[in-house]
Amino acid sequence: MTASNTYQEVYEVLSLMDKLTVMKIPEELIKLIKENRDTSFETKIDKKDIFNPENISKEAVDMLCWLDYKYCMNENKKKEIDTIRKDLFNKAEEEKKKKYNPNDLFINRTIDPVNKIEIESTKEELSLVEIKEKGFIQRIINKIMRFFKKD
């Protein structure tokens, strides 16, 4: 749920924008923003520096970006933004795959303090445990011993 203060900030910014741009946004949406805003909330929006983080909330900026993307941008600009988003998503996925690669789980990574590079070292330790197969007679003796120990 979006706070009424955010709606007030969005309404304030929309009132400062060009009328032709604002007219691209559906009337129902503008009406919704207008009805849900808190008119008693005093915004700190500066006309010269609208998107300064000190003057406007992140939620309001997000909402304005969404409105711009959804209703005001041309198709070329949308495609450009979509490719940037896909590239960022793919880059993040590749980093996750590299970081959480199951083949590299047992590699010890240390950072060389002089060269500031990552050093990978694999340490394979195998320990052999001798498992002796008990003979048939030994198993029978153990069962008999357990039977008498229960009482």
C-alpha atoms as a PDB file:
ATOM      1  CA  MET A   1       0.000   0.000   0.000  1.00  0.00           C
ATOM      2  CA  THR A   2       1.398   3.339  -1.012  1.00  0.00           C
ATOM      3  CA  ALA A   3       1.386   6.046   1.622  1.00  0.00           C
ATOM      4  CA  SER A   4      -0.754   9.105   1.080  1.00  0.00           C
ATOM      5  CA  ASN A   5       2.387  11.235   1.441  1.00  0.00           C
ATOM      6  CA  THR A   6       3.843   9.513  -1.608  1.00  0.00           C
ATOM      7  CA  TYR A   7       0.712  10.274  -3.596  1.00  0.00           C
ATOM      8  CA  GLN A   8       1.014  13.913  -2.521  1.00  0.00           C
ATOM      9  CA  GLU A   9       4.626  14.059  -3.727  1.00  0.00           C
ATOM     10  CA  VAL A  10       3.715  12.423  -7.039  1.00  0.00           C
ATOM     11  CA  TYR A  11       0.795  14.814  -7.507  1.00  0.00           C
ATOM     12  CA  GLU A  12       3.068  17.769  -6.752  1.00  0.00           C
ATOM     13  CA  VAL A  13       5.644  16.642  -9.335  1.00  0.00           C
ATOM     14  CA  LEU A  14       2.945  15.960 -11.923  1.00  0.00           C
ATOM     15  CA  SER A  15       1.603  19.480 -11.380  1.00  0.00           C
ATOM     16  CA  LEU A  16       5.077  20.848 -12.197  1.00  0.00           C
ATOM     17  CA  MET A  17       5.379  18.805 -15.404  1.00  0.00           C
ATOM     18  CA  ASP A  18       4.366  19.691 -18.937  1.00  0.00           C
ATOM     19  CA  LYS A  19       0.613  19.284 -19.514  1.00  0.00           C
ATOM     20  CA  LEU A  20       1.104  17.247 -22.709  1.00  0.00           C
ATOM     21  CA  THR A  21       3.201  14.729 -20.829  1.00  0.00           C
ATOM     22  CA  VAL A  22       0.730  14.461 -17.954  1.00  0.00           C
ATOM     23  CA  MET A  23      -2.147  14.005 -20.405  1.00  0.00           C
ATOM     24  CA  LYS A  24      -0.578  10.713 -21.553  1.00  0.00           C
ATOM     25  CA  ILE A  25      -1.361   9.248 -18.119  1.00  0.00           C
ATOM     26  CA  PRO A  26      -4.919   7.864 -17.888  1.00  0.00           C
ATOM     27  CA  GLU A  27      -7.403  10.120 -16.132  1.00  0.00           C
ATOM     28  CA  GLU A  28      -8.456   7.319 -13.762  1.00  0.00           C
ATOM     29  CA  LEU A  29      -4.891   7.029 -12.497  1.00  0.00           C
ATOM     30  CA  ILE A  30      -4.516  10.753 -11.957  1.00  0.00           C
ATOM     31  CA  LYS A  31      -7.894  10.777 -10.205  1.00  0.00           C
ATOM     32  CA  LEU A  32      -6.728   7.903  -7.956  1.00  0.00           C
ATOM     33  CA  ILE A  33      -3.554   9.815  -7.052  1.00  0.00           C
ATOM     34  CA  LYS A  34      -5.544  12.989  -6.398  1.00  0.00           C
ATOM     35  CA  GLU A  35      -8.095  11.207  -4.166  1.00  0.00           C
ATOM     36  CA  ASN A  36      -5.539   9.256  -2.111  1.00  0.00           C
ATOM     37  CA  ARG A  37      -3.061  12.055  -1.460  1.00  0.00           C
ATOM     38  CA  ASP A  38      -2.639  13.703   1.914  1.00  0.00           C
ATOM     39  CA  THR A  39      -3.305  17.377   1.286  1.00  0.00           C
ATOM     40  CA  SER A  40      -2.082  18.311   4.752  1.00  0.00           C
ATOM     41  CA  PHE A  41       1.379  16.868   3.980  1.00  0.00           C
ATOM     42  CA  GLU A  42       3.799  19.608   3.023  1.00  0.00           C
ATOM     43  CA  THR A  43       6.244  18.488   0.332  1.00  0.00           C
ATOM     44  CA  LYS A  44       9.818  19.719   0.156  1.00  0.00           C
ATOM     45  CA  ILE A  45      10.036  19.474  -3.627  1.00  0.00           C
ATOM     46  CA  ASP A  46      12.271  22.104  -5.181  1.00  0.00           C
ATOM     47  CA  LYS A  47      11.281  23.054  -8.743  1.00  0.00           C
ATOM     48  CA  LYS A  48      14.933  23.370  -9.738  1.00  0.00           C
ATOM     49  CA  ASP A  49      16.004  20.033  -8.245  1.00  0.00           C
ATOM     50  CA  ILE A  50      12.937  17.788  -8.252  1.00  0.00           C
ATOM     51  CA  PHE A  51      14.605  14.395  -7.884  1.00  0.00           C
ATOM     52  CA  ASN A  52      16.979  15.299  -5.073  1.00  0.00           C
ATOM     53  CA  PRO A  53      16.757  12.415  -2.541  1.00  0.00           C
ATOM     54  CA  GLU A  54      16.522  14.945   0.269  1.00  0.00           C
ATOM     55  CA  ASN A  55      13.387  16.490  -1.257  1.00  0.00           C
ATOM     56  CA  ILE A  56      11.379  13.485  -2.471  1.00  0.00           C
ATOM     57  CA  SER A  57      10.887   9.947  -1.217  1.00  0.00           C
ATOM     58  CA  LYS A  58      12.193   6.911  -3.044  1.00  0.00           C
ATOM     59  CA  GLU A  59       8.666   5.547  -3.359  1.00  0.00           C
ATOM     60  CA  ALA A  60       7.523   8.702  -5.156  1.00  0.00           C
ATOM     61  CA  VAL A  61      10.477   8.536  -7.542  1.00  0.00           C
ATOM     62  CA  ASP A  62       9.710   4.856  -8.199  1.00  0.00           C
ATOM     63  CA  MET A  63       6.086   5.661  -8.942  1.00  0.00           C
ATOM     64  CA  LEU A  64       7.040   8.513 -11.268  1.00  0.00           C
ATOM     65  CA  CYS A  65       9.507   6.270 -13.102  1.00  0.00           C
ATOM     66  CA  TRP A  66       6.832   3.631 -13.526  1.00  0.00           C
ATOM     67  CA  LEU A  67       4.342   6.199 -14.855  1.00  0.00           C
ATOM     68  CA  ASP A  68       6.964   7.524 -17.261  1.00  0.00           C
ATOM     69  CA  TYR A  69       7.863   4.025 -18.488  1.00  0.00           C
ATOM     70  CA  LYS A  70       4.279   2.833 -18.772  1.00  0.00           C
ATOM     71  CA  TYR A  71       2.623   5.877 -20.357  1.00  0.00           C
ATOM     72  CA  CYS A  72       5.091   8.539 -21.508  1.00  0.00           C
ATOM     73  CA  MET A  73       8.085   6.816 -23.119  1.00  0.00           C
ATOM     74  CA  ASN A  74       8.316   5.926 -26.767  1.00  0.00           C
ATOM     75  CA  GLU A  75       8.918   2.315 -27.809  1.00  0.00           C
ATOM     76  CA  ASN A  76      12.605   2.831 -28.658  1.00  0.00           C
ATOM     77  CA  LYS A  77      13.366   4.155 -25.195  1.00  0.00           C
ATOM     78  CA  LYS A  78      11.406   1.267 -23.616  1.00  0.00           C
ATOM     79  CA  LYS A  79      13.415  -1.267 -25.644  1.00  0.00           C
ATOM     80  CA  GLU A  80      16.649   0.415 -24.575  1.00  0.00           C
ATOM     81  CA  ILE A  81      15.639   0.242 -20.904  1.00  0.00           C
ATOM     82  CA  ASP A  82      14.532  -3.377 -21.285  1.00  0.00           C
ATOM     83  CA  THR A  83      17.899  -4.376 -22.756  1.00  0.00           C
ATOM     84  CA  ILE A  84      19.723  -2.616 -19.927  1.00  0.00           C
ATOM     85  CA  ARG A  85      17.515  -4.423 -17.384  1.00  0.00           C
ATOM     86  CA  LYS A  86      18.141  -7.782 -19.084  1.00  0.00           C
ATOM     87  CA  ASP A  87      21.890  -7.156 -19.161  1.00  0.00           C
ATOM     88  CA  LEU A  88      21.926  -6.264 -15.470  1.00  0.00           C
ATOM     89  CA  PHE A  89      19.819  -9.310 -14.647  1.00  0.00           C
ATOM     90  CA  ASN A  90      22.072 -11.619 -16.689  1.00  0.00           C
ATOM     91  CA  LYS A  91      25.175 -10.147 -15.084  1.00  0.00           C
ATOM     92  CA  ALA A  92      23.720 -10.711 -11.606  1.00  0.00           C
ATOM     93  CA  GLU A  93      22.765 -14.290 -12.512  1.00  0.00           C
ATOM     94  CA  GLU A  94      26.281 -14.987 -13.805  1.00  0.00           C
ATOM     95  CA  GLU A  95      27.783 -13.647 -10.585  1.00  0.00           C
ATOM     96  CA  LYS A  96      25.466 -15.901  -8.572  1.00  0.00           C
ATOM     97  CA  LYS A  97      26.414 -18.902 -10.691  1.00  0.00           C
ATOM     98  CA  LYS A  98      30.090 -18.113 -10.247  1.00  0.00           C
ATOM     99  CA  LYS A  99      29.716 -17.535  -6.509  1.00  0.00           C
ATOM    100  CA  TYR A 100      27.540 -20.556  -5.805  1.00  0.00           C
ATOM    101  CA  ASN A 101      28.919 -23.002  -8.365  1.00  0.00           C
ATOM    102  CA  PRO A 102      28.554 -26.499  -6.854  1.00  0.00           C
ATOM    103  CA  ASN A 103      31.836 -27.572  -8.435  1.00  0.00           C
ATOM    104  CA  ASP A 104      33.699 -24.864  -6.530  1.00  0.00           C
ATOM    105  CA  LEU A 105      32.161 -25.409  -3.102  1.00  0.00           C
ATOM    106  CA  PHE A 106      35.277 -26.972  -1.600  1.00  0.00           C
ATOM    107  CA  ILE A 107      37.765 -24.471  -2.972  1.00  0.00           C
ATOM    108  CA  ASN A 108      39.366 -22.351  -0.292  1.00  0.00           C
ATOM    109  CA  ARG A 109      39.636 -18.747  -1.397  1.00  0.00           C
ATOM    110  CA  THR A 110      42.031 -16.387   0.254  1.00  0.00           C
ATOM    111  CA  ILE A 111      43.010 -12.881  -0.735  1.00  0.00           C
ATOM    112  CA  ASP A 112      46.675 -12.128  -1.218  1.00  0.00           C
ATOM    113  CA  PRO A 113      47.326  -9.013   0.938  1.00  0.00           C
ATOM    114  CA  VAL A 114      50.113  -7.725  -1.315  1.00  0.00           C
ATOM    115  CA  ASN A 115      48.579  -8.123  -4.763  1.00  0.00           C
ATOM    116  CA  LYS A 116      44.919  -7.947  -3.646  1.00  0.00           C
ATOM    117  CA  ILE A 117      43.978 -10.933  -5.785  1.00  0.00           C
ATOM    118  CA  GLU A 118      42.005 -14.012  -4.921  1.00  0.00           C
ATOM    119  CA  ILE A 119      43.968 -17.232  -4.547  1.00  0.00           C
ATOM    120  CA  GLU A 120      42.168 -20.510  -4.969  1.00  0.00           C
ATOM    121  CA  SER A 121      43.491 -23.631  -3.416  1.00  0.00           C
ATOM    122  CA  THR A 122      41.926 -27.012  -3.356  1.00  0.00           C
ATOM    123  CA  LYS A 123      42.547 -29.229  -0.430  1.00  0.00           C
ATOM    124  CA  GLU A 124      41.677 -32.819  -0.879  1.00  0.00           C
ATOM    125  CA  GLU A 125      41.930 -34.892   2.216  1.00  0.00           C
ATOM    126  CA  LEU A 126      41.025 -38.482   2.125  1.00  0.00           C
ATOM    127  CA  SER A 127      40.826 -40.488   5.240  1.00  0.00           C
ATOM    128  CA  LEU A 128      40.598 -44.207   5.053  1.00  0.00           C
ATOM    129  CA  VAL A 129      38.661 -46.049   7.686  1.00  0.00           C
ATOM    130  CA  GLU A 130      39.145 -49.742   7.816  1.00  0.00           C
ATOM    131  CA  ILE A 131      35.891 -51.600   8.110  1.00  0.00           C
ATOM    132  CA  LYS A 132      36.328 -55.117   9.273  1.00  0.00           C
ATOM    133  CA  GLU A 133      33.820 -57.629   8.153  1.00  0.00           C
ATOM    134  CA  LYS A 134      32.693 -59.649  11.134  1.00  0.00           C
ATOM    135  CA  GLY A 135      32.659 -63.352  10.670  1.00  0.00           C
ATOM    136  CA  PHE A 136      29.572 -65.486  10.995  1.00  0.00           C
ATOM    137  CA  ILE A 137      30.611 -66.985  14.324  1.00  0.00           C
ATOM    138  CA  GLN A 138      31.474 -63.590  15.808  1.00  0.00           C
ATOM    139  CA  ARG A 139      27.999 -62.268  14.928  1.00  0.00           C
ATOM    140  CA  ILE A 140      26.300 -65.253  16.609  1.00  0.00           C
ATOM    141  CA  ILE A 141      28.383 -64.747  19.761  1.00  0.00           C
ATOM    142  CA  ASN A 142      27.477 -61.030  19.841  1.00  0.00           C
ATOM    143  CA  LYS A 143      23.751 -61.819  19.544  1.00  0.00           C
ATOM    144  CA  ILE A 144      23.950 -64.335  22.385  1.00  0.00           C
ATOM    145  CA  MET A 145      25.823 -61.828  24.554  1.00  0.00           C
ATOM    146  CA  ARG A 146      23.179 -59.144  23.869  1.00  0.00           C
ATOM    147  CA  PHE A 147      20.402 -61.610  24.756  1.00  0.00           C
ATOM    148  CA  PHE A 148      21.907 -62.300  28.208  1.00  0.00           C
ATOM    149  CA  LYS A 149      22.734 -58.618  28.832  1.00  0.00           C
ATOM    150  CA  LYS A 150      19.081 -57.600  28.413  1.00  0.00           C
ATOM    151  CA  ASP A 151      17.987 -59.464  31.505  1.00  0.00           C
END
